[in-house]
Amino acid sequence: MRPSDERETVTRHVAYEIAALELTHELYQGTRDRFVFEAFLIHVRALRDFFWSEPRSGSRASDVLAEQFFTHVGTWRRTKGQKDKVIVETWNPINRQLSHLTWHRIDRDAFSDLESRVSDLYAVLMRQWGLLLATVDHDTRRWFEDAVAEKRSEVRTNVAIRAR
């Protein structure tokens, strides 16, 4: 487990992803804007990996994972459960359609309609977020809750400023 000060500091980055996911979901529901949709998917991807990926080596060795906030990684591995169907079904399509240009975009059989999955993805990730908060120790929960409150205000202020 990483030192307490590192874990507390990185909670702000996780909190940003939560706050940005909430805001992009809300904005997309109101606008169906393609740029907002893609921003939403970026935050889906970051949080999906945070909740369900396991430690890797190489370039992914420094990824922040939910299990790193537990003394025993098995606690989160048991608690998080299996990936929800919408996570499994969208994992590769999000990677393919978001990160680079691919020929799959013109193949209707290979292309996934991710826009129709927005509400389901949001619900699953927010459920995992609640599960994480309910499972981590008191101090970690407080770090996350304080950081999310701060980041919610920050992302909403930034969007309001840009909208002027």
N, C-alpha and C. Protein backbone atom coordinates (compact mmCIF):
# COMPACT_ATOMS: atom_id res chain seq x y z
N MET A 1 0.85 -1.18 0.00
CA MET A 1 0.00 0.00 0.00
C MET A 1 0.89 1.24 0.00
N ARG A 2 0.50 2.20 -0.79
CA ARG A 2 1.23 3.47 -0.86
C ARG A 2 1.11 4.22 0.47
N PRO A 3 2.05 5.11 0.73
CA PRO A 3 1.97 5.90 1.97
C PRO A 3 0.69 6.74 2.01
N SER A 4 0.25 7.03 3.20
CA SER A 4 -1.00 7.77 3.43
C SER A 4 -1.03 9.11 2.70
N ASP A 5 0.07 9.86 2.73
CA ASP A 5 0.07 11.18 2.09
C ASP A 5 -0.10 11.07 0.58
N GLU A 6 0.47 10.04 -0.04
CA GLU A 6 0.31 9.83 -1.48
C GLU A 6 -1.14 9.45 -1.81
N ARG A 7 -1.70 8.57 -1.01
CA ARG A 7 -3.09 8.16 -1.24
C ARG A 7 -4.03 9.35 -1.08
N GLU A 8 -3.80 10.16 -0.06
CA GLU A 8 -4.66 11.33 0.13
C GLU A 8 -4.53 12.29 -1.05
N THR A 9 -3.33 12.52 -1.52
CA THR A 9 -3.11 13.43 -2.64
C THR A 9 -3.79 12.93 -3.92
N VAL A 10 -3.67 11.65 -4.19
CA VAL A 10 -4.22 11.12 -5.45
C VAL A 10 -5.75 11.05 -5.41
N THR A 11 -6.35 11.11 -4.21
CA THR A 11 -7.82 11.11 -4.16
C THR A 11 -8.38 12.30 -4.94
N ARG A 12 -7.65 13.39 -5.02
CA ARG A 12 -8.12 14.58 -5.78
C ARG A 12 -8.24 14.26 -7.26
N HIS A 13 -7.37 13.40 -7.75
CA HIS A 13 -7.40 13.03 -9.17
C HIS A 13 -8.57 12.08 -9.44
N VAL A 14 -8.79 11.16 -8.54
CA VAL A 14 -9.95 10.27 -8.67
C VAL A 14 -11.23 11.11 -8.56
N ALA A 15 -11.25 12.03 -7.62
CA ALA A 15 -12.41 12.90 -7.41
C ALA A 15 -12.71 13.73 -8.65
N TYR A 16 -11.67 14.20 -9.32
CA TYR A 16 -11.88 14.95 -10.56
C TYR A 16 -12.61 14.09 -11.58
N GLU A 17 -12.22 12.83 -11.70
CA GLU A 17 -12.86 11.92 -12.66
C GLU A 17 -14.34 11.73 -12.31
N ILE A 18 -14.65 11.59 -11.02
CA ILE A 18 -16.04 11.45 -10.59
C ILE A 18 -16.83 12.72 -10.91
N ALA A 19 -16.30 13.87 -10.53
CA ALA A 19 -16.99 15.13 -10.77
C ALA A 19 -17.18 15.39 -12.27
N ALA A 20 -16.16 15.08 -13.06
CA ALA A 20 -16.24 15.28 -14.51
C ALA A 20 -17.23 14.29 -15.14
N LEU A 21 -17.26 13.06 -14.63
CA LEU A 21 -18.23 12.08 -15.13
C LEU A 21 -19.65 12.59 -14.86
N GLU A 22 -19.89 13.05 -13.64
CA GLU A 22 -21.22 13.56 -13.30
C GLU A 22 -21.63 14.72 -14.21
N LEU A 23 -20.73 15.67 -14.39
CA LEU A 23 -21.05 16.85 -15.18
C LEU A 23 -21.22 16.51 -16.66
N THR A 24 -20.33 15.70 -17.22
CA THR A 24 -20.47 15.37 -18.65
C THR A 24 -21.73 14.54 -18.89
N HIS A 25 -22.10 13.69 -17.95
CA HIS A 25 -23.35 12.93 -18.07
C HIS A 25 -24.53 13.90 -18.11
N GLU A 26 -24.54 14.83 -17.17
CA GLU A 26 -25.63 15.81 -17.10
C GLU A 26 -25.69 16.65 -18.38
N LEU A 27 -24.54 17.13 -18.83
CA LEU A 27 -24.51 17.96 -20.04
C LEU A 27 -24.93 17.17 -21.28
N TYR A 28 -24.48 15.94 -21.36
CA TYR A 28 -24.83 15.12 -22.53
C TYR A 28 -26.34 14.85 -22.55
N GLN A 29 -26.91 14.55 -21.40
CA GLN A 29 -28.35 14.28 -21.34
C GLN A 29 -29.14 15.49 -21.84
N GLY A 30 -28.61 16.68 -21.60
CA GLY A 30 -29.33 17.90 -22.01
C GLY A 30 -29.05 18.34 -23.42
N THR A 31 -27.93 17.92 -24.00
CA THR A 31 -27.53 18.45 -25.30
C THR A 31 -27.35 17.41 -26.40
N ARG A 32 -26.99 16.20 -26.03
CA ARG A 32 -26.60 15.15 -26.98
C ARG A 32 -25.44 15.61 -27.87
N ASP A 33 -24.62 16.46 -27.30
CA ASP A 33 -23.47 17.01 -28.01
C ASP A 33 -22.36 15.97 -28.13
N ARG A 34 -21.81 15.79 -29.32
CA ARG A 34 -20.80 14.76 -29.57
C ARG A 34 -19.51 15.02 -28.78
N PHE A 35 -19.11 16.27 -28.64
CA PHE A 35 -17.89 16.58 -27.88
C PHE A 35 -18.07 16.26 -26.41
N VAL A 36 -19.23 16.54 -25.89
CA VAL A 36 -19.53 16.22 -24.49
C VAL A 36 -19.55 14.70 -24.32
N PHE A 37 -20.13 13.99 -25.29
CA PHE A 37 -20.17 12.54 -25.25
C PHE A 37 -18.76 11.95 -25.18
N GLU A 38 -17.87 12.46 -26.01
CA GLU A 38 -16.50 11.95 -26.01
C GLU A 38 -15.79 12.26 -24.70
N ALA A 39 -16.05 13.43 -24.14
CA ALA A 39 -15.48 13.76 -22.83
C ALA A 39 -16.02 12.80 -21.77
N PHE A 40 -17.30 12.50 -21.84
CA PHE A 40 -17.90 11.53 -20.92
C PHE A 40 -17.17 10.20 -21.01
N LEU A 41 -16.93 9.73 -22.24
CA LEU A 41 -16.25 8.44 -22.42
C LEU A 41 -14.83 8.43 -21.86
N ILE A 42 -14.16 9.56 -21.94
CA ILE A 42 -12.80 9.63 -21.37
C ILE A 42 -12.87 9.36 -19.86
N HIS A 43 -13.84 9.94 -19.20
CA HIS A 43 -13.97 9.74 -17.75
C HIS A 43 -14.51 8.35 -17.42
N VAL A 44 -15.36 7.81 -18.27
CA VAL A 44 -15.81 6.42 -18.11
C VAL A 44 -14.60 5.50 -18.15
N ARG A 45 -13.76 5.70 -19.14
CA ARG A 45 -12.60 4.83 -19.32
C ARG A 45 -11.66 4.90 -18.11
N ALA A 46 -11.40 6.11 -17.64
CA ALA A 46 -10.50 6.27 -16.48
C ALA A 46 -11.08 5.58 -15.25
N LEU A 47 -12.36 5.76 -14.99
CA LEU A 47 -12.97 5.17 -13.80
C LEU A 47 -13.18 3.67 -13.94
N ARG A 48 -13.52 3.23 -15.13
CA ARG A 48 -13.66 1.79 -15.38
C ARG A 48 -12.35 1.09 -15.06
N ASP A 49 -11.25 1.65 -15.54
CA ASP A 49 -9.93 1.07 -15.26
C ASP A 49 -9.60 1.15 -13.77
N PHE A 50 -9.93 2.27 -13.14
CA PHE A 50 -9.69 2.45 -11.71
C PHE A 50 -10.40 1.37 -10.89
N PHE A 51 -11.66 1.10 -11.21
CA PHE A 51 -12.44 0.14 -10.44
C PHE A 51 -12.09 -1.32 -10.75
N TRP A 52 -11.83 -1.66 -12.02
CA TRP A 52 -11.74 -3.07 -12.37
C TRP A 52 -10.38 -3.58 -12.84
N SER A 53 -9.45 -2.70 -13.18
CA SER A 53 -8.15 -3.20 -13.62
C SER A 53 -7.35 -3.69 -12.43
N GLU A 54 -6.40 -4.55 -12.73
CA GLU A 54 -5.48 -5.04 -11.71
C GLU A 54 -4.08 -4.54 -12.06
N PRO A 55 -3.18 -4.54 -11.10
CA PRO A 55 -1.84 -4.00 -11.34
C PRO A 55 -1.16 -4.62 -12.57
N ARG A 56 -0.45 -3.78 -13.27
CA ARG A 56 0.28 -4.22 -14.45
C ARG A 56 1.73 -3.76 -14.34
N SER A 57 2.52 -4.22 -15.26
CA SER A 57 3.91 -3.79 -15.31
C SER A 57 4.09 -2.87 -16.52
N GLY A 58 5.28 -2.42 -16.70
CA GLY A 58 5.57 -1.57 -17.85
C GLY A 58 4.95 -0.19 -17.72
N SER A 59 4.43 0.30 -18.83
CA SER A 59 3.90 1.67 -18.86
C SER A 59 2.65 1.84 -18.00
N ARG A 60 2.00 0.78 -17.61
CA ARG A 60 0.79 0.87 -16.79
C ARG A 60 1.06 0.60 -15.30
N ALA A 61 2.33 0.46 -14.93
CA ALA A 61 2.68 0.13 -13.54
C ALA A 61 2.30 1.24 -12.57
N SER A 62 2.19 2.47 -13.04
CA SER A 62 1.87 3.58 -12.13
C SER A 62 0.38 3.93 -12.12
N ASP A 63 -0.46 3.11 -12.77
CA ASP A 63 -1.90 3.36 -12.76
C ASP A 63 -2.43 3.35 -11.32
N VAL A 64 -3.35 4.26 -11.04
CA VAL A 64 -4.01 4.32 -9.74
C VAL A 64 -5.23 3.40 -9.81
N LEU A 65 -5.31 2.48 -8.87
CA LEU A 65 -6.39 1.50 -8.85
C LEU A 65 -7.12 1.53 -7.51
N ALA A 66 -8.40 1.24 -7.54
CA ALA A 66 -9.21 1.25 -6.32
C ALA A 66 -8.62 0.35 -5.25
N GLU A 67 -8.11 -0.81 -5.65
CA GLU A 67 -7.60 -1.76 -4.66
C GLU A 67 -6.41 -1.22 -3.88
N GLN A 68 -5.76 -0.19 -4.38
CA GLN A 68 -4.60 0.39 -3.70
C GLN A 68 -4.99 1.21 -2.47
N PHE A 69 -6.28 1.37 -2.24
CA PHE A 69 -6.75 2.11 -1.08
C PHE A 69 -7.15 1.18 0.07
N PHE A 70 -6.78 -0.09 -0.05
CA PHE A 70 -7.10 -1.08 0.96
C PHE A 70 -5.82 -1.74 1.46
N THR A 71 -5.77 -2.02 2.75
CA THR A 71 -4.62 -2.71 3.32
C THR A 71 -4.43 -4.06 2.67
N HIS A 72 -5.52 -4.74 2.42
CA HIS A 72 -5.49 -6.05 1.75
C HIS A 72 -6.24 -5.92 0.43
N VAL A 73 -5.52 -6.06 -0.69
CA VAL A 73 -6.15 -5.87 -2.01
C VAL A 73 -7.33 -6.82 -2.22
N GLY A 74 -7.29 -7.94 -1.55
CA GLY A 74 -8.39 -8.89 -1.67
C GLY A 74 -9.72 -8.33 -1.21
N THR A 75 -9.67 -7.34 -0.31
CA THR A 75 -10.90 -6.72 0.17
C THR A 75 -11.67 -6.12 -1.00
N TRP A 76 -10.99 -5.31 -1.82
CA TRP A 76 -11.67 -4.70 -2.96
C TRP A 76 -11.96 -5.74 -4.03
N ARG A 77 -11.08 -6.64 -4.26
CA ARG A 77 -11.30 -7.65 -5.31
C ARG A 77 -12.56 -8.47 -5.02
N ARG A 78 -12.81 -8.76 -3.75
CA ARG A 78 -14.03 -9.49 -3.38
C ARG A 78 -15.25 -8.57 -3.44
N THR A 79 -15.09 -7.34 -3.01
CA THR A 79 -16.21 -6.40 -2.89
C THR A 79 -16.69 -5.89 -4.24
N LYS A 80 -15.78 -5.61 -5.15
CA LYS A 80 -16.15 -4.97 -6.42
C LYS A 80 -17.05 -5.83 -7.29
N GLY A 81 -16.97 -7.12 -7.13
CA GLY A 81 -17.79 -8.02 -7.93
C GLY A 81 -17.32 -8.11 -9.37
N GLN A 82 -18.07 -8.89 -10.13
CA GLN A 82 -17.76 -9.04 -11.55
C GLN A 82 -18.10 -7.75 -12.29
N LYS A 83 -17.47 -7.56 -13.42
CA LYS A 83 -17.80 -6.42 -14.26
C LYS A 83 -19.25 -6.56 -14.72
N ASP A 84 -19.99 -5.49 -14.61
CA ASP A 84 -21.36 -5.46 -15.11
C ASP A 84 -21.36 -5.69 -16.62
N LYS A 85 -22.43 -6.20 -17.13
CA LYS A 85 -22.56 -6.52 -18.56
C LYS A 85 -22.22 -5.31 -19.44
N VAL A 86 -22.68 -4.12 -19.07
CA VAL A 86 -22.42 -2.94 -19.89
C VAL A 86 -20.92 -2.60 -19.91
N ILE A 87 -20.23 -2.87 -18.83
CA ILE A 87 -18.78 -2.64 -18.79
C ILE A 87 -18.08 -3.63 -19.71
N VAL A 88 -18.44 -4.88 -19.63
CA VAL A 88 -17.84 -5.91 -20.48
C VAL A 88 -18.10 -5.60 -21.95
N GLU A 89 -19.34 -5.30 -22.28
CA GLU A 89 -19.71 -5.09 -23.68
C GLU A 89 -19.12 -3.82 -24.28
N THR A 90 -18.80 -2.84 -23.45
CA THR A 90 -18.28 -1.58 -23.99
C THR A 90 -16.77 -1.41 -23.82
N TRP A 91 -16.12 -2.33 -23.10
CA TRP A 91 -14.69 -2.18 -22.81
C TRP A 91 -13.87 -1.97 -24.08
N ASN A 92 -13.90 -2.92 -24.98
CA ASN A 92 -13.12 -2.80 -26.22
C ASN A 92 -13.65 -1.73 -27.15
N PRO A 93 -14.96 -1.60 -27.34
CA PRO A 93 -15.44 -0.52 -28.20
C PRO A 93 -15.01 0.87 -27.72
N ILE A 94 -15.03 1.11 -26.42
CA ILE A 94 -14.57 2.41 -25.92
C ILE A 94 -13.10 2.60 -26.27
N ASN A 95 -12.30 1.57 -26.03
CA ASN A 95 -10.88 1.68 -26.37
C ASN A 95 -10.68 1.94 -27.85
N ARG A 96 -11.38 1.20 -28.70
CA ARG A 96 -11.21 1.35 -30.15
C ARG A 96 -11.74 2.68 -30.67
N GLN A 97 -12.92 3.07 -30.23
CA GLN A 97 -13.59 4.22 -30.79
C GLN A 97 -13.13 5.54 -30.19
N LEU A 98 -12.50 5.49 -29.06
CA LEU A 98 -12.11 6.73 -28.40
C LEU A 98 -10.65 7.06 -28.59
N SER A 99 -9.80 6.07 -28.54
CA SER A 99 -8.37 6.35 -28.47
C SER A 99 -7.68 6.56 -29.80
N HIS A 100 -8.25 6.05 -30.89
CA HIS A 100 -7.59 6.23 -32.18
C HIS A 100 -8.58 5.97 -33.31
N LEU A 101 -8.20 6.44 -34.49
CA LEU A 101 -9.03 6.16 -35.66
C LEU A 101 -8.92 4.69 -36.01
N THR A 102 -10.05 4.09 -36.33
CA THR A 102 -10.07 2.67 -36.64
C THR A 102 -11.06 2.40 -37.76
N TRP A 103 -10.78 1.38 -38.55
CA TRP A 103 -11.69 0.99 -39.62
C TRP A 103 -13.00 0.46 -39.07
N HIS A 104 -13.02 0.08 -37.80
CA HIS A 104 -14.25 -0.41 -37.18
C HIS A 104 -15.35 0.65 -37.20
N ARG A 105 -14.97 1.91 -37.32
CA ARG A 105 -15.97 2.98 -37.32
C ARG A 105 -16.92 2.88 -38.51
N ILE A 106 -16.47 2.29 -39.60
CA ILE A 106 -17.35 2.19 -40.78
C ILE A 106 -18.01 0.82 -40.89
N ASP A 107 -17.62 -0.11 -40.05
CA ASP A 107 -18.20 -1.45 -40.05
C ASP A 107 -19.31 -1.48 -39.01
N ARG A 108 -20.55 -1.41 -39.44
CA ARG A 108 -21.69 -1.32 -38.51
C ARG A 108 -21.78 -2.53 -37.59
N ASP A 109 -21.26 -3.69 -38.01
CA ASP A 109 -21.29 -4.86 -37.13
C ASP A 109 -20.24 -4.76 -36.02
N ALA A 110 -19.12 -4.13 -36.34
CA ALA A 110 -18.04 -4.00 -35.35
C ALA A 110 -18.21 -2.74 -34.50
N PHE A 111 -18.92 -1.76 -35.04
CA PHE A 111 -19.10 -0.48 -34.35
C PHE A 111 -20.15 -0.63 -33.26
N SER A 112 -19.87 -0.12 -32.10
CA SER A 112 -20.81 -0.19 -30.99
C SER A 112 -21.48 1.16 -30.82
N ASP A 113 -22.77 1.15 -30.63
CA ASP A 113 -23.50 2.40 -30.39
C ASP A 113 -23.34 2.76 -28.91
N LEU A 114 -22.23 3.39 -28.62
CA LEU A 114 -21.93 3.74 -27.23
C LEU A 114 -22.86 4.82 -26.70
N GLU A 115 -23.37 5.65 -27.58
CA GLU A 115 -24.28 6.71 -27.12
C GLU A 115 -25.52 6.14 -26.45
N SER A 116 -25.97 4.98 -26.90
CA SER A 116 -27.15 4.38 -26.28
C SER A 116 -26.83 3.78 -24.92
N ARG A 117 -25.56 3.72 -24.56
CA ARG A 117 -25.15 3.09 -23.29
C ARG A 117 -24.78 4.11 -22.21
N VAL A 118 -24.92 5.39 -22.51
CA VAL A 118 -24.48 6.44 -21.58
C VAL A 118 -25.10 6.28 -20.20
N SER A 119 -26.40 6.18 -20.12
CA SER A 119 -27.06 6.10 -18.81
C SER A 119 -26.66 4.85 -18.04
N ASP A 120 -26.54 3.72 -18.75
CA ASP A 120 -26.14 2.48 -18.09
C ASP A 120 -24.70 2.57 -17.57
N LEU A 121 -23.81 3.11 -18.38
CA LEU A 121 -22.41 3.26 -17.95
C LEU A 121 -22.33 4.16 -16.72
N TYR A 122 -23.05 5.25 -16.76
CA TYR A 122 -23.05 6.19 -15.64
C TYR A 122 -23.56 5.50 -14.37
N ALA A 123 -24.66 4.79 -14.48
CA ALA A 123 -25.26 4.13 -13.30
C ALA A 123 -24.31 3.11 -12.70
N VAL A 124 -23.67 2.32 -13.54
CA VAL A 124 -22.75 1.28 -13.04
C VAL A 124 -21.55 1.91 -12.35
N LEU A 125 -20.98 2.93 -12.95
CA LEU A 125 -19.80 3.57 -12.35
C LEU A 125 -20.15 4.28 -11.05
N MET A 126 -21.30 4.91 -10.98
CA MET A 126 -21.69 5.58 -9.74
C MET A 126 -22.01 4.55 -8.65
N ARG A 127 -22.53 3.41 -9.05
CA ARG A 127 -22.77 2.33 -8.07
C ARG A 127 -21.43 1.83 -7.51
N GLN A 128 -20.44 1.68 -8.38
CA GLN A 128 -19.11 1.25 -7.91
C GLN A 128 -18.51 2.31 -6.99
N TRP A 129 -18.73 3.56 -7.33
CA TRP A 129 -18.22 4.65 -6.50
C TRP A 129 -18.82 4.55 -5.09
N GLY A 130 -20.12 4.37 -5.02
CA GLY A 130 -20.78 4.21 -3.72
C GLY A 130 -20.26 3.00 -2.96
N LEU A 131 -20.03 1.93 -3.67
CA LEU A 131 -19.49 0.71 -3.06
C LEU A 131 -18.08 0.96 -2.51
N LEU A 132 -17.27 1.66 -3.26
CA LEU A 132 -15.92 1.98 -2.80
C LEU A 132 -15.99 2.82 -1.52
N LEU A 133 -16.82 3.87 -1.54
CA LEU A 133 -16.93 4.73 -0.36
C LEU A 133 -17.44 3.96 0.86
N ALA A 134 -18.31 3.00 0.64
CA ALA A 134 -18.86 2.22 1.75
C ALA A 134 -17.86 1.20 2.29
N THR A 135 -16.79 0.91 1.53
CA THR A 135 -15.87 -0.15 1.90
C THR A 135 -14.54 0.35 2.44
N VAL A 136 -14.08 1.51 1.97
CA VAL A 136 -12.78 2.01 2.44
C VAL A 136 -12.88 2.44 3.91
N ASP A 137 -11.73 2.63 4.52
CA ASP A 137 -11.72 3.07 5.92
C ASP A 137 -12.22 4.51 6.05
N HIS A 138 -12.50 4.92 7.25
CA HIS A 138 -13.10 6.23 7.53
C HIS A 138 -12.27 7.38 6.96
N ASP A 139 -10.96 7.37 7.19
CA ASP A 139 -10.11 8.47 6.71
C ASP A 139 -10.11 8.56 5.19
N THR A 140 -10.01 7.42 4.54
CA THR A 140 -10.00 7.42 3.07
C THR A 140 -11.34 7.92 2.54
N ARG A 141 -12.42 7.49 3.12
CA ARG A 141 -13.74 7.95 2.71
C ARG A 141 -13.83 9.47 2.85
N ARG A 142 -13.34 10.00 3.94
CA ARG A 142 -13.36 11.45 4.16
C ARG A 142 -12.52 12.17 3.11
N TRP A 143 -11.33 11.63 2.80
CA TRP A 143 -10.49 12.24 1.75
C TRP A 143 -11.25 12.30 0.44
N PHE A 144 -11.88 11.18 0.06
CA PHE A 144 -12.62 11.14 -1.20
C PHE A 144 -13.80 12.10 -1.18
N GLU A 145 -14.57 12.09 -0.12
CA GLU A 145 -15.76 12.95 -0.05
C GLU A 145 -15.38 14.43 -0.11
N ASP A 146 -14.34 14.81 0.63
CA ASP A 146 -13.90 16.21 0.60
C ASP A 146 -13.38 16.59 -0.79
N ALA A 147 -12.62 15.70 -1.39
CA ALA A 147 -12.05 15.99 -2.71
C ALA A 147 -13.14 16.08 -3.77
N VAL A 148 -14.14 15.21 -3.71
CA VAL A 148 -15.22 15.26 -4.70
C VAL A 148 -16.01 16.56 -4.55
N ALA A 149 -16.29 16.98 -3.34
CA ALA A 149 -17.01 18.24 -3.14
C ALA A 149 -16.23 19.40 -3.76
N GLU A 150 -14.94 19.41 -3.55
CA GLU A 150 -14.09 20.46 -4.12
C GLU A 150 -14.09 20.40 -5.65
N LYS A 151 -13.93 19.21 -6.20
CA LYS A 151 -13.84 19.06 -7.65
C LYS A 151 -15.17 19.32 -8.34
N ARG A 152 -16.28 18.98 -7.71
CA ARG A 152 -17.59 19.29 -8.29
C ARG A 152 -17.72 20.80 -8.49
N SER A 153 -17.36 21.53 -7.48
CA SER A 153 -17.43 22.99 -7.57
C SER A 153 -16.47 23.50 -8.65
N GLU A 154 -15.28 22.96 -8.68
CA GLU A 154 -14.26 23.40 -9.64
C GLU A 154 -14.69 23.14 -11.09
N VAL A 155 -15.16 21.95 -11.41
CA VAL A 155 -15.51 21.66 -12.80
C VAL A 155 -16.74 22.45 -13.23
N ARG A 156 -17.68 22.64 -12.34
CA ARG A 156 -18.87 23.43 -12.69
C ARG A 156 -18.51 24.91 -12.89
N THR A 157 -17.63 25.42 -12.07
CA THR A 157 -17.17 26.81 -12.24
C THR A 157 -16.43 26.96 -13.55
N ASN A 158 -15.55 26.03 -13.88
CA ASN A 158 -14.79 26.11 -15.14
C ASN A 158 -15.71 26.06 -16.35
N VAL A 159 -16.71 25.22 -16.32
CA VAL A 159 -17.65 25.13 -17.45
C VAL A 159 -18.47 26.42 -17.55
N ALA A 160 -18.89 26.96 -16.42
CA ALA A 160 -19.68 28.20 -16.43
C ALA A 160 -18.85 29.36 -16.98
N ILE A 161 -17.59 29.43 -16.62
CA ILE A 161 -16.71 30.50 -17.12
C ILE A 161 -16.54 30.38 -18.63
N ARG A 162 -16.35 29.18 -19.12
CA ARG A 162 -16.17 28.96 -20.57
C ARG A 162 -17.45 29.25 -21.35
N ALA A 163 -18.59 29.07 -20.71
CA ALA A 163 -19.87 29.27 -21.39
C ALA A 163 -20.20 30.74 -21.60
N ARG A 164 -19.51 31.61 -20.91
CA ARG A 164 -19.81 33.06 -21.03
C ARG A 164 -19.42 33.61 -22.35
